[in-house]
């Protein structure tokens, strides 16, 4: 199964809308304790192992601050 190697959230522009949390079909995100540079509570990646790199969070983020990097084919994390 395809998955994510890493998920980055650009803290400079995140407004903490949590749309990524609500749109994710695999419950990858949760409300974090870290604040963005704009002083909003940011989502945090809580369960990257659940991520299937579907891209819904990237596509629906109104500020385009999420980048999902998929695993290379045939390369699994140990």
C-alpha atoms as a PDB file:
ATOM      1  CA  UNK A   1       0.000   0.000   0.000  1.00  0.00           C
ATOM      2  CA  UNK A   2       1.170   3.489  -0.854  1.00  0.00           C
ATOM      3  CA  UNK A   3       1.945   5.777   2.059  1.00  0.00           C
ATOM      4  CA  UNK A   4       3.661   8.982   3.107  1.00  0.00           C
ATOM      5  CA  UNK A   5       7.298   9.300   3.993  1.00  0.00           C
ATOM      6  CA  UNK A   6       6.716  12.739   5.498  1.00  0.00           C
ATOM      7  CA  UNK A   7       4.066  15.433   5.783  1.00  0.00           C
ATOM      8  CA  UNK A   8       5.087  19.056   6.156  1.00  0.00           C
ATOM      9  CA  UNK A   9       2.905  21.969   7.251  1.00  0.00           C
ATOM     10  CA  UNK A  10       4.226  25.453   6.480  1.00  0.00           C
ATOM     11  CA  UNK A  11       4.021  27.245   9.796  1.00  0.00           C
ATOM     12  CA  UNK A  12       4.446  30.648   8.104  1.00  0.00           C
ATOM     13  CA  UNK A  13       0.979  30.575   6.555  1.00  0.00           C
ATOM     14  CA  UNK A  14      -1.150  27.974   8.383  1.00  0.00           C
ATOM     15  CA  UNK A  15      -4.345  29.516   9.771  1.00  0.00           C
ATOM     16  CA  UNK A  16      -5.333  26.498  11.840  1.00  0.00           C
ATOM     17  CA  UNK A  17      -8.642  25.810  10.069  1.00  0.00           C
ATOM     18  CA  UNK A  18      -8.177  22.052  10.662  1.00  0.00           C
ATOM     19  CA  UNK A  19      -9.772  21.223   7.318  1.00  0.00           C
ATOM     20  CA  UNK A  20      -6.984  18.683   6.842  1.00  0.00           C
ATOM     21  CA  UNK A  21      -8.095  16.901  10.027  1.00  0.00           C
ATOM     22  CA  UNK A  22     -11.715  16.736   8.919  1.00  0.00           C
ATOM     23  CA  UNK A  23     -11.071  15.796   5.270  1.00  0.00           C
ATOM     24  CA  UNK A  24      -8.549  13.029   6.008  1.00  0.00           C
ATOM     25  CA  UNK A  25     -10.141   9.582   5.567  1.00  0.00           C
ATOM     26  CA  UNK A  26      -7.404   7.899   7.662  1.00  0.00           C
ATOM     27  CA  UNK A  27      -7.364  10.095  10.821  1.00  0.00           C
ATOM     28  CA  UNK A  28      -3.755  11.234  10.310  1.00  0.00           C
ATOM     29  CA  UNK A  29      -4.089  14.706  11.878  1.00  0.00           C
ATOM     30  CA  UNK A  30      -5.058  16.036  15.273  1.00  0.00           C
ATOM     31  CA  UNK A  31      -5.162  19.490  16.845  1.00  0.00           C
ATOM     32  CA  UNK A  32      -1.638  20.336  17.913  1.00  0.00           C
ATOM     33  CA  UNK A  33      -0.182  22.541  20.624  1.00  0.00           C
ATOM     34  CA  UNK A  34       2.207  24.411  18.322  1.00  0.00           C
ATOM     35  CA  UNK A  35       1.230  27.826  16.970  1.00  0.00           C
ATOM     36  CA  UNK A  36       1.877  29.065  13.452  1.00  0.00           C
ATOM     37  CA  UNK A  37       3.708  32.311  12.741  1.00  0.00           C
ATOM     38  CA  UNK A  38       0.232  33.861  12.425  1.00  0.00           C
ATOM     39  CA  UNK A  39      -0.500  32.679  16.013  1.00  0.00           C
ATOM     40  CA  UNK A  40      -3.057  29.979  15.154  1.00  0.00           C
ATOM     41  CA  UNK A  41      -3.052  26.497  16.676  1.00  0.00           C
ATOM     42  CA  UNK A  42      -1.765  24.224  13.949  1.00  0.00           C
ATOM     43  CA  UNK A  43      -2.703  20.650  13.133  1.00  0.00           C
ATOM     44  CA  UNK A  44      -0.089  18.035  13.843  1.00  0.00           C
ATOM     45  CA  UNK A  45       0.632  14.781  12.098  1.00  0.00           C
ATOM     46  CA  UNK A  46      -0.276  12.248  14.769  1.00  0.00           C
ATOM     47  CA  UNK A  47      -0.495   9.012  12.785  1.00  0.00           C
ATOM     48  CA  UNK A  48       1.679   9.178   9.661  1.00  0.00           C
ATOM     49  CA  UNK A  49       1.557   5.387   9.463  1.00  0.00           C
ATOM     50  CA  UNK A  50      -2.161   5.707   8.582  1.00  0.00           C
ATOM     51  CA  UNK A  51      -1.459   8.018   5.638  1.00  0.00           C
ATOM     52  CA  UNK A  52      -2.072   6.569   2.174  1.00  0.00           C
ATOM     53  CA  UNK A  53      -0.794   9.711   0.392  1.00  0.00           C
ATOM     54  CA  UNK A  54      -4.187  10.311  -1.229  1.00  0.00           C
ATOM     55  CA  UNK A  55      -3.511  14.049  -1.377  1.00  0.00           C
ATOM     56  CA  UNK A  56      -6.898  15.178  -0.058  1.00  0.00           C
ATOM     57  CA  UNK A  57      -5.310  17.324   2.631  1.00  0.00           C
ATOM     58  CA  UNK A  58      -3.044  19.046   0.095  1.00  0.00           C
ATOM     59  CA  UNK A  59      -5.889  19.619  -2.362  1.00  0.00           C
ATOM     60  CA  UNK A  60      -8.354  20.998   0.191  1.00  0.00           C
ATOM     61  CA  UNK A  61      -6.015  23.196   2.221  1.00  0.00           C
ATOM     62  CA  UNK A  62      -7.224  26.750   1.509  1.00  0.00           C
ATOM     63  CA  UNK A  63      -3.741  28.181   2.103  1.00  0.00           C
ATOM     64  CA  UNK A  64      -1.810  25.404   0.316  1.00  0.00           C
ATOM     65  CA  UNK A  65       0.508  24.837   3.282  1.00  0.00           C
ATOM     66  CA  UNK A  66       0.565  21.019   3.314  1.00  0.00           C
ATOM     67  CA  UNK A  67       3.097  18.942   1.405  1.00  0.00           C
ATOM     68  CA  UNK A  68       2.833  15.149   1.441  1.00  0.00           C
ATOM     69  CA  UNK A  69       5.906  13.274   0.276  1.00  0.00           C
ATOM     70  CA  UNK A  70       5.039   9.725  -0.758  1.00  0.00           C
ATOM     71  CA  UNK A  71       7.280   6.738  -0.204  1.00  0.00           C
ATOM     72  CA  UNK A  72       9.339   5.694  -3.191  1.00  0.00           C
ATOM     73  CA  UNK A  73       8.064   2.570  -4.877  1.00  0.00           C
ATOM     74  CA  UNK A  74       9.597  -0.502  -3.304  1.00  0.00           C
ATOM     75  CA  UNK A  75      11.050   1.477  -0.419  1.00  0.00           C
ATOM     76  CA  UNK A  76       9.431   0.940   2.971  1.00  0.00           C
ATOM     77  CA  UNK A  77      10.393   2.520   6.251  1.00  0.00           C
ATOM     78  CA  UNK A  78      11.823   0.059   8.735  1.00  0.00           C
END
